[in-house]
Protein backbone atom coordinates (compact mmCIF):
# COMPACT_ATOMS: atom_id res chain seq x y z
CA MET A 1 31.23 -16.32 53.76
CA LYS A 2 30.89 -13.08 55.67
CA THR A 3 28.74 -10.20 54.51
CA SER A 4 31.68 -7.80 54.67
CA GLU A 5 33.61 -9.98 52.22
CA ILE A 6 30.66 -10.09 49.84
CA ARG A 7 30.12 -6.31 49.94
CA GLY A 8 33.69 -5.76 48.73
CA LEU A 9 33.02 -7.52 45.42
CA THR A 10 31.87 -5.90 42.18
CA LEU A 11 28.53 -6.71 40.58
CA GLU A 12 30.18 -8.98 38.02
CA ALA A 13 32.10 -10.85 40.72
CA LEU A 14 28.91 -11.16 42.77
CA ALA A 15 27.05 -12.64 39.83
CA ALA A 16 29.84 -15.16 39.25
CA LYS A 17 29.96 -16.02 42.96
CA GLY A 18 26.19 -16.53 43.04
CA LYS A 19 26.38 -18.83 40.03
CA ASP A 20 29.20 -20.87 41.60
CA LEU A 21 27.32 -21.19 44.90
CA GLY A 22 24.16 -22.23 43.05
CA GLU A 23 26.00 -24.94 41.17
CA GLU A 24 27.64 -26.20 44.35
CA TYR A 25 24.27 -26.27 46.11
CA PHE A 26 22.70 -28.18 43.23
CA LYS A 27 25.48 -30.79 43.26
CA LEU A 28 25.22 -31.31 47.01
CA LYS A 29 21.43 -31.51 46.87
CA PHE A 30 21.70 -34.11 44.09
CA GLN A 31 24.25 -36.14 46.04
CA HIS A 32 22.05 -35.99 49.12
CA GLY A 33 19.17 -37.37 47.09
CA ILE A 34 21.22 -40.36 46.02
CA ARG A 35 22.83 -41.08 49.36
CA PRO A 36 22.98 -39.15 52.64
CA ILE A 37 25.88 -36.72 52.82
CA GLU A 38 27.94 -36.45 55.99
CA ASN A 39 27.61 -32.71 56.58
CA THR A 40 24.00 -31.74 55.94
CA ALA A 41 24.59 -28.33 57.53
CA LYS A 42 26.57 -27.42 54.40
CA LEU A 43 23.28 -27.27 52.46
CA ARG A 44 21.88 -24.68 54.86
CA VAL A 45 25.08 -22.63 54.81
CA LEU A 46 25.12 -22.59 51.00
CA LYS A 47 21.47 -21.52 50.85
CA ARG A 48 22.17 -18.63 53.19
CA ASP A 49 25.26 -17.57 51.24
CA ILE A 50 23.23 -17.56 48.02
CA ALA A 51 20.60 -15.39 49.69
CA ARG A 52 23.28 -12.99 50.98
CA VAL A 53 24.79 -12.61 47.51
CA LYS A 54 21.39 -12.00 45.91
CA THR A 55 20.46 -9.44 48.56
CA ILE A 56 23.70 -7.50 48.14
CA ILE A 57 23.34 -7.56 44.34
CA THR A 58 19.89 -6.03 44.73
CA GLU A 59 21.17 -3.39 47.17
CA LYS A 60 24.02 -2.40 44.84
CA ARG A 61 21.71 -2.16 41.81
CA GLN A 62 19.28 0.06 43.74
CA ALA A 63 22.10 2.26 44.97
CA ALA A 64 23.36 2.69 41.41
CA GLU A 65 20.00 3.99 40.22
């Protein structure tokens, strides 16, 4: 997910997106613990997307104050 796409979302949508990404990351991490997954790069991509969403949420909250 690109940063420009994330910046266009509202705070509520960002929170929902962060929650969805977190759940997806948890499921993949759990699956990888049981048996190796084919695309391990997906874990890294999800982690970075979660970090992007959290960073933009923080930026928007600070800008609102």
